[in-house]
Amino acid sequence: MMILAAAVMAAAPAMAADHAVTIKGFAFSPATLTVAAGDTVTFTNEDSAPHTATAGDGSFDTGRLNKGASATVTIAGAGNHAYKCNFHASMKGTISAN
C-alpha cells in the first residue's frame, strides 16, 4: 500500500507557486527573484506613476499598471528573464526560472 501511495505522489504534477513583486519608489521589490518554470509572478504598482514589467525576451508583459493595479504573469520557460519598466528605463529586474 505504501509503495502505491509513493508512486501516485511521484506521478502527481507539482503545483505552481505564486510570487509577488511590489513596484514602489520607482523600483521593483524584490529586483531579483528565483522561481520554478510554470510559476506565476504578480506585480503590484504602489506608485502614483504608471509602470510596466516587460521582459526583454518577450516572455511576459504586464501592460500598463496604474496606481493600485496588479497583473499576474506565468514564467513558462527556464532561464534568466531580464525585465524593465517601459516608462522608466532605470527600473530593472530579473526573474530566474529553473
C-alpha atoms as a PDB file:
ATOM      1  CA  MET A   1       0.000   0.000   0.000  1.00  0.00           C
ATOM      2  CA  MET A   2       2.835   2.405   0.877  1.00  0.00           C
ATOM      3  CA  ILE A   3       4.552   1.719  -2.460  1.00  0.00           C
ATOM      4  CA  LEU A   4       1.372   2.567  -4.358  1.00  0.00           C
ATOM      5  CA  ALA A   5       0.941   5.827  -2.429  1.00  0.00           C
ATOM      6  CA  ALA A   6       4.556   6.803  -3.127  1.00  0.00           C
ATOM      7  CA  ALA A   7       4.125   6.050  -6.842  1.00  0.00           C
ATOM      8  CA  VAL A   8       0.973   8.170  -7.051  1.00  0.00           C
ATOM      9  CA  MET A   9       2.618  11.086  -5.237  1.00  0.00           C
ATOM     10  CA  ALA A  10       5.680  10.911  -7.506  1.00  0.00           C
ATOM     11  CA  ALA A  11       3.475  10.975 -10.624  1.00  0.00           C
ATOM     12  CA  ALA A  12       1.391  13.960  -9.464  1.00  0.00           C
ATOM     13  CA  PRO A  13       2.412  17.248 -11.098  1.00  0.00           C
ATOM     14  CA  ALA A  14       3.972  19.862  -8.856  1.00  0.00           C
ATOM     15  CA  MET A  15       1.709  22.759  -8.026  1.00  0.00           C
ATOM     16  CA  ALA A  16       2.814  26.117  -9.437  1.00  0.00           C
ATOM     17  CA  ALA A  17       3.614  28.774  -6.867  1.00  0.00           C
ATOM     18  CA  ASP A  18       2.692  32.455  -6.979  1.00  0.00           C
ATOM     19  CA  HIS A  19       5.336  35.060  -6.175  1.00  0.00           C
ATOM     20  CA  ALA A  20       4.858  38.768  -5.526  1.00  0.00           C
ATOM     21  CA  VAL A  21       6.813  41.773  -6.789  1.00  0.00           C
ATOM     22  CA  THR A  22       5.918  45.220  -5.491  1.00  0.00           C
ATOM     23  CA  ILE A  23       6.564  48.342  -7.521  1.00  0.00           C
ATOM     24  CA  LYS A  24       7.282  51.210  -5.138  1.00  0.00           C
ATOM     25  CA  GLY A  25       9.650  54.164  -5.156  1.00  0.00           C
ATOM     26  CA  PHE A  26      10.328  53.599  -8.863  1.00  0.00           C
ATOM     27  CA  ALA A  27      11.839  50.175  -8.107  1.00  0.00           C
ATOM     28  CA  PHE A  28      10.859  46.501  -8.287  1.00  0.00           C
ATOM     29  CA  SER A  29      10.999  44.693  -4.950  1.00  0.00           C
ATOM     30  CA  PRO A  30      12.490  42.186  -4.969  1.00  0.00           C
ATOM     31  CA  ALA A  31      14.501  43.134  -8.045  1.00  0.00           C
ATOM     32  CA  THR A  32      15.877  39.586  -8.353  1.00  0.00           C
ATOM     33  CA  LEU A  33      13.595  36.597  -7.968  1.00  0.00           C
ATOM     34  CA  THR A  34      14.128  32.848  -8.429  1.00  0.00           C
ATOM     35  CA  VAL A  35      11.116  30.721  -9.379  1.00  0.00           C
ATOM     36  CA  ALA A  36      10.328  27.391 -10.988  1.00  0.00           C
ATOM     37  CA  ALA A  37       9.231  27.295 -14.616  1.00  0.00           C
ATOM     38  CA  GLY A  38       5.430  27.376 -14.594  1.00  0.00           C
ATOM     39  CA  ASP A  39       5.201  29.594 -11.501  1.00  0.00           C
ATOM     40  CA  THR A  40       3.338  32.876 -11.618  1.00  0.00           C
ATOM     41  CA  VAL A  41       4.507  36.321 -10.547  1.00  0.00           C
ATOM     42  CA  THR A  42       2.071  39.043  -9.519  1.00  0.00           C
ATOM     43  CA  PHE A  43       3.295  42.609  -9.983  1.00  0.00           C
ATOM     44  CA  THR A  44       1.517  45.299  -7.931  1.00  0.00           C
ATOM     45  CA  ASN A  45       2.070  49.010  -8.507  1.00  0.00           C
ATOM     46  CA  GLU A  46       2.107  51.069  -5.311  1.00  0.00           C
ATOM     47  CA  ASP A  47       3.490  54.209  -7.023  1.00  0.00           C
ATOM     48  CA  SER A  48       1.368  57.092  -8.251  1.00  0.00           C
ATOM     49  CA  ALA A  49       3.037  56.853 -11.684  1.00  0.00           C
ATOM     50  CA  PRO A  50       2.135  54.082 -14.150  1.00  0.00           C
ATOM     51  CA  HIS A  51       4.643  51.266 -14.728  1.00  0.00           C
ATOM     52  CA  THR A  52       5.101  48.069 -16.714  1.00  0.00           C
ATOM     53  CA  ALA A  53       7.097  44.887 -16.138  1.00  0.00           C
ATOM     54  CA  THR A  54       8.205  43.919 -19.633  1.00  0.00           C
ATOM     55  CA  ALA A  55      10.623  41.059 -20.315  1.00  0.00           C
ATOM     56  CA  GLY A  56      13.367  41.784 -22.812  1.00  0.00           C
ATOM     57  CA  ASP A  57      12.963  38.313 -24.306  1.00  0.00           C
ATOM     58  CA  GLY A  58       9.223  38.846 -24.895  1.00  0.00           C
ATOM     59  CA  SER A  59       8.223  36.109 -22.448  1.00  0.00           C
ATOM     60  CA  PHE A  60       5.904  38.375 -20.428  1.00  0.00           C
ATOM     61  CA  ASP A  61       4.495  41.897 -20.271  1.00  0.00           C
ATOM     62  CA  THR A  62       2.118  43.224 -17.632  1.00  0.00           C
ATOM     63  CA  GLY A  63       0.990  46.111 -19.783  1.00  0.00           C
ATOM     64  CA  ARG A  64       0.368  49.476 -18.141  1.00  0.00           C
ATOM     65  CA  LEU A  65      -0.210  49.231 -14.385  1.00  0.00           C
ATOM     66  CA  ASN A  66      -1.718  52.325 -12.828  1.00  0.00           C
ATOM     67  CA  LYS A  67      -1.562  53.001  -9.079  1.00  0.00           C
ATOM     68  CA  GLY A  68      -3.075  50.082  -7.147  1.00  0.00           C
ATOM     69  CA  ALA A  69      -3.257  47.801 -10.190  1.00  0.00           C
ATOM     70  CA  SER A  70      -1.834  44.277 -10.356  1.00  0.00           C
ATOM     71  CA  ALA A  71      -1.050  41.855 -13.152  1.00  0.00           C
ATOM     72  CA  THR A  72      -0.036  38.209 -12.978  1.00  0.00           C
ATOM     73  CA  VAL A  73       2.297  36.609 -15.499  1.00  0.00           C
ATOM     74  CA  THR A  74       3.358  32.984 -15.916  1.00  0.00           C
ATOM     75  CA  ILE A  75       7.057  32.234 -16.201  1.00  0.00           C
ATOM     76  CA  ALA A  76       6.804  29.480 -18.774  1.00  0.00           C
ATOM     77  CA  GLY A  77      10.423  28.736 -19.581  1.00  0.00           C
ATOM     78  CA  ALA A  78      13.644  28.161 -17.698  1.00  0.00           C
ATOM     79  CA  GLY A  79      16.426  30.740 -17.818  1.00  0.00           C
ATOM     80  CA  ASN A  80      17.052  34.318 -16.815  1.00  0.00           C
ATOM     81  CA  HIS A  81      14.334  36.763 -17.807  1.00  0.00           C
ATOM     82  CA  ALA A  82      15.512  40.360 -17.507  1.00  0.00           C
ATOM     83  CA  TYR A  83      12.666  42.871 -17.411  1.00  0.00           C
ATOM     84  CA  LYS A  84      12.168  46.622 -17.171  1.00  0.00           C
ATOM     85  CA  CYS A  85       9.547  49.310 -16.980  1.00  0.00           C
ATOM     86  CA  ASN A  86       8.802  50.668 -20.452  1.00  0.00           C
ATOM     87  CA  PHE A  87       8.133  54.118 -18.972  1.00  0.00           C
ATOM     88  CA  HIS A  88      11.189  54.339 -16.690  1.00  0.00           C
ATOM     89  CA  ALA A  89      14.335  52.758 -18.189  1.00  0.00           C
ATOM     90  CA  SER A  90      16.211  52.797 -14.857  1.00  0.00           C
ATOM     91  CA  MET A  91      13.704  50.333 -13.352  1.00  0.00           C
ATOM     92  CA  LYS A  92      15.064  46.831 -13.961  1.00  0.00           C
ATOM     93  CA  GLY A  93      14.700  43.338 -12.538  1.00  0.00           C
ATOM     94  CA  THR A  94      15.496  39.705 -13.267  1.00  0.00           C
ATOM     95  CA  ILE A  95      13.465  36.541 -12.806  1.00  0.00           C
ATOM     96  CA  SER A  96      15.497  33.334 -12.884  1.00  0.00           C
ATOM     97  CA  ALA A  97      13.498  30.174 -13.566  1.00  0.00           C
ATOM     98  CA  ASN A  98      14.731  26.618 -13.270  1.00  0.00           C
END
